[in-house]
Amino acid sequence: MVGRSSAKMEPDQLVQHIRGCTLCADRFAATATGHAPRPVPWFASSARLLIAGQAPGLRVHDSGRPFTDPSGDRLRQWLGLSEAQFYDRARVAIVPMAFCFPGYDTKKSDLPPPKICAQTWHRQVMAALPNIGLRLLVGGAAQRWHLGTKTSVTETVQGWRALAPDSYPLPHPSWRNTAWIKKNPWFEAELLPDLRARVKELME
């Protein structure tokens, strides 16, 4: 199944369409990883919390479950959620800007999420999630799409108070951002406690 549909689909039907998407098969076959598409949709219409990220990594491609890597461990710690709470699709929707692992280039660096994925699916998924009360926008790609920002991730996250309590922009929880976190102590001292309180309120 490829391409977009003009007809509004029920969430379960939309999940199945996304799982069958092969729009980027040729693109992925040409990467250094030479992999096939494996979309990882994770949402239900009842979800109250949206986690909008960039794209799955290789471990998620292998597991078929979002954030099954050290980044996921750190993100769950940021949110104050147990693994069971985090993966409760009835309450938490995990919707990246691309549903498939984009692959590595010849230097084993992550390739950006193909824009065609968000262009094809993102608005349909958002329309299928009418109960979202809190958006967590992880990384620049999600922040640009959801907020329409053109600022850097640092500048966007620094302005978090203007967006709370409905949205919180976050840096990617990758280990690569450990230096960023140390350089910006307000993130752990101010933003995260506020975020955890808001997540707890919503989940209860």
Protein backbone atom coordinates (compact mmCIF):
# COMPACT_ATOMS: atom_id res chain seq x y z
CA MET A 1 0.00 0.00 0.00
CA VAL A 2 1.45 3.33 -1.03
CA GLY A 3 0.29 6.86 -1.54
CA ARG A 4 -2.22 9.01 0.27
CA SER A 5 -5.97 8.72 0.50
CA SER A 6 -8.39 11.63 0.37
CA ALA A 7 -10.96 9.68 2.39
CA LYS A 8 -10.72 9.92 6.17
CA MET A 9 -9.82 6.53 7.66
CA GLU A 10 -10.56 5.13 11.09
CA PRO A 11 -7.41 4.99 13.29
CA ASP A 12 -7.06 1.19 13.15
CA GLN A 13 -7.43 1.27 9.37
CA LEU A 14 -4.90 4.09 9.13
CA VAL A 15 -2.39 2.11 11.20
CA GLN A 16 -2.72 -0.81 8.79
CA HIS A 17 -2.25 1.45 5.75
CA ILE A 18 0.90 2.96 7.27
CA ARG A 19 2.29 -0.47 8.15
CA GLY A 20 1.92 -1.47 4.51
CA CYS A 21 3.55 1.68 3.09
CA THR A 22 6.45 1.08 0.68
CA LEU A 23 6.81 4.59 -0.75
CA CYS A 24 10.50 4.76 0.18
CA ALA A 25 11.53 1.22 -0.79
CA ASP A 26 13.88 2.34 -3.58
CA ARG A 27 15.30 5.15 -1.42
CA PHE A 28 16.09 2.78 1.47
CA ALA A 29 17.54 0.11 -0.81
CA ALA A 30 20.05 2.72 -2.05
CA THR A 31 21.33 3.60 1.46
CA ALA A 32 24.42 2.11 3.09
CA THR A 33 22.09 -0.12 5.14
CA GLY A 34 20.20 -1.33 2.06
CA HIS A 35 17.13 -2.08 4.16
CA ALA A 36 13.45 -2.52 3.33
CA PRO A 37 10.72 -0.25 4.75
CA ARG A 38 9.34 -1.17 8.15
CA PRO A 39 6.91 1.54 9.30
CA VAL A 40 6.35 1.69 13.06
CA PRO A 41 2.99 3.41 13.73
CA TRP A 42 2.04 3.59 17.43
CA PHE A 43 -1.23 5.37 18.19
CA ALA A 44 -4.92 5.03 19.00
CA SER A 45 -7.73 7.59 18.83
CA SER A 46 -8.06 7.68 22.64
CA ALA A 47 -4.46 8.87 23.19
CA ARG A 48 -4.06 11.99 25.34
CA LEU A 49 -0.28 12.41 25.08
CA LEU A 50 1.49 12.88 21.74
CA ILE A 51 5.21 12.25 21.36
CA ALA A 52 6.28 13.65 17.99
CA GLY A 53 9.86 12.80 17.10
CA GLN A 54 12.03 12.51 14.02
CA ALA A 55 12.32 8.92 12.79
CA PRO A 56 13.03 5.43 14.15
CA GLY A 57 16.62 4.29 14.53
CA LEU A 58 18.07 0.93 13.56
CA ARG A 59 17.14 -0.72 16.87
CA VAL A 60 13.53 0.37 16.43
CA HIS A 61 13.61 -0.91 12.85
CA ASP A 62 14.68 -4.30 14.25
CA SER A 63 12.23 -4.37 17.18
CA GLY A 64 9.17 -2.83 15.54
CA ARG A 65 8.56 -0.81 18.71
CA PRO A 66 9.37 2.91 19.11
CA PHE A 67 12.19 4.11 21.38
CA THR A 68 13.56 0.64 22.20
CA ASP A 69 17.04 2.09 22.70
CA PRO A 70 18.99 4.23 25.20
CA SER A 71 17.24 7.33 23.85
CA GLY A 72 13.94 5.79 24.91
CA ASP A 73 15.28 5.07 28.39
CA ARG A 74 16.30 8.70 28.77
CA LEU A 75 12.99 10.00 27.36
CA ARG A 76 10.98 7.87 29.79
CA GLN A 77 13.11 9.23 32.63
CA TRP A 78 12.48 12.78 31.43
CA LEU A 79 8.72 12.15 31.43
CA GLY A 80 8.57 10.17 34.66
CA LEU A 81 6.80 7.29 32.91
CA SER A 82 7.24 3.57 33.40
CA GLU A 83 7.76 1.38 30.35
CA ALA A 84 4.19 0.08 30.68
CA GLN A 85 2.77 3.61 30.78
CA PHE A 86 4.93 4.77 27.88
CA TYR A 87 3.80 1.93 25.60
CA ASP A 88 0.10 2.21 26.49
CA ARG A 89 -1.27 3.13 23.08
CA ALA A 90 -4.64 3.98 24.58
CA ARG A 91 -2.99 6.96 26.30
CA VAL A 92 0.28 7.64 24.45
CA ALA A 93 0.66 8.22 20.70
CA ILE A 94 4.20 8.09 19.28
CA VAL A 95 4.16 9.73 15.85
CA PRO A 96 7.54 10.58 14.29
CA MET A 97 7.97 12.70 11.18
CA ALA A 98 8.89 9.51 9.33
CA PHE A 99 7.61 6.09 10.36
CA CYS A 100 10.58 4.14 8.95
CA PHE A 101 14.27 4.03 9.76
CA PRO A 102 15.78 6.29 7.05
CA GLY A 103 19.09 4.41 6.98
CA TYR A 104 22.75 5.40 7.26
CA ASP A 105 24.97 7.13 4.77
CA THR A 106 28.42 5.79 3.87
CA LYS A 107 29.86 7.32 7.07
CA LYS A 108 27.25 5.51 9.19
CA SER A 109 25.52 8.77 10.04
CA ASP A 110 21.72 8.91 10.28
CA LEU A 111 19.99 10.10 7.13
CA PRO A 112 17.19 12.68 7.56
CA PRO A 113 13.58 11.50 7.53
CA PRO A 114 12.17 11.52 3.98
CA LYS A 115 9.77 14.45 3.66
CA ILE A 116 7.34 12.36 1.63
CA CYS A 117 6.40 10.40 4.77
CA ALA A 118 5.09 13.43 6.68
CA GLN A 119 3.53 14.81 3.49
CA THR A 120 1.65 11.54 3.00
CA TRP A 121 0.63 10.56 6.51
CA HIS A 122 1.13 13.21 9.19
CA ARG A 123 -2.01 15.28 8.76
CA GLN A 124 -4.13 12.14 8.52
CA VAL A 125 -2.68 10.83 11.78
CA MET A 126 -3.20 14.14 13.57
CA ALA A 127 -6.83 14.19 12.40
CA ALA A 128 -7.25 10.68 13.87
CA LEU A 129 -6.09 11.87 17.33
CA PRO A 130 -8.84 14.22 18.55
CA ASN A 131 -8.14 13.75 22.27
CA ILE A 132 -4.53 14.94 22.48
CA GLY A 133 -4.06 17.22 25.47
CA LEU A 134 -0.27 17.47 25.47
CA ARG A 135 2.29 17.49 22.64
CA LEU A 136 5.94 16.66 23.22
CA LEU A 137 7.90 17.89 20.21
CA VAL A 138 11.22 16.09 20.12
CA GLY A 139 13.83 17.62 17.82
CA GLY A 140 13.85 20.19 15.07
CA ALA A 141 11.82 18.32 12.44
CA ALA A 142 8.82 17.87 14.75
CA GLN A 143 9.09 21.40 16.09
CA ARG A 144 9.12 22.91 12.61
CA TRP A 145 6.08 20.92 11.49
CA HIS A 146 3.93 21.38 14.59
CA LEU A 147 4.96 24.91 15.57
CA GLY A 148 5.99 26.37 12.23
CA THR A 149 9.23 27.56 13.83
CA LYS A 150 12.39 28.43 11.94
CA THR A 151 14.56 28.83 15.04
CA SER A 152 17.18 26.37 16.24
CA VAL A 153 16.24 23.57 18.63
CA THR A 154 18.03 25.41 21.44
CA GLU A 155 16.10 28.62 20.84
CA THR A 156 12.80 26.76 20.55
CA VAL A 157 13.36 24.78 23.75
CA GLN A 158 14.45 27.93 25.57
CA GLY A 159 11.02 29.38 24.79
CA TRP A 160 9.16 26.44 26.31
CA ARG A 161 7.24 28.52 28.87
CA ALA A 162 5.32 30.28 26.10
CA LEU A 163 4.09 26.89 24.82
CA ALA A 164 3.36 25.07 28.08
CA PRO A 165 1.18 23.47 29.33
CA ASP A 166 -0.16 22.27 25.95
CA SER A 167 3.18 21.69 24.20
CA TYR A 168 6.77 21.15 25.28
CA PRO A 169 9.65 21.31 22.78
CA LEU A 170 12.48 18.95 23.69
CA PRO A 171 15.94 18.16 22.35
CA HIS A 172 16.43 14.62 21.14
CA PRO A 173 17.17 12.34 24.13
CA SER A 174 20.17 10.82 22.34
CA TRP A 175 23.45 10.40 24.22
CA ARG A 176 24.87 12.81 21.63
CA ASN A 177 23.00 15.60 23.42
CA THR A 178 24.51 14.96 26.85
CA ALA A 179 26.89 17.91 26.35
CA TRP A 180 23.92 20.11 25.38
CA ILE A 181 22.09 19.15 28.58
CA LYS A 182 25.14 19.99 30.71
CA LYS A 183 25.53 23.31 28.89
CA ASN A 184 21.87 24.19 29.53
CA PRO A 185 21.25 23.32 33.22
CA TRP A 186 17.85 25.07 33.18
CA PHE A 187 16.54 22.17 31.10
CA GLU A 188 16.82 19.66 33.95
CA ALA A 189 16.27 22.21 36.73
CA GLU A 190 13.20 23.99 35.34
CA LEU A 191 11.67 22.42 32.24
CA LEU A 192 11.73 18.75 33.25
CA PRO A 193 10.03 19.14 36.67
CA ASP A 194 7.27 21.19 35.02
CA LEU A 195 6.95 18.63 32.25
CA ARG A 196 6.77 15.66 34.63
CA ALA A 197 4.02 17.34 36.64
CA ARG A 198 2.03 18.01 33.48
CA VAL A 199 2.51 14.43 32.22
CA LYS A 200 1.43 13.00 35.59
CA GLU A 201 -1.67 15.19 35.58
CA LEU A 202 -2.60 14.12 32.07
CA MET A 203 -1.95 10.41 32.59
CA GLU A 204 -4.04 10.32 35.77
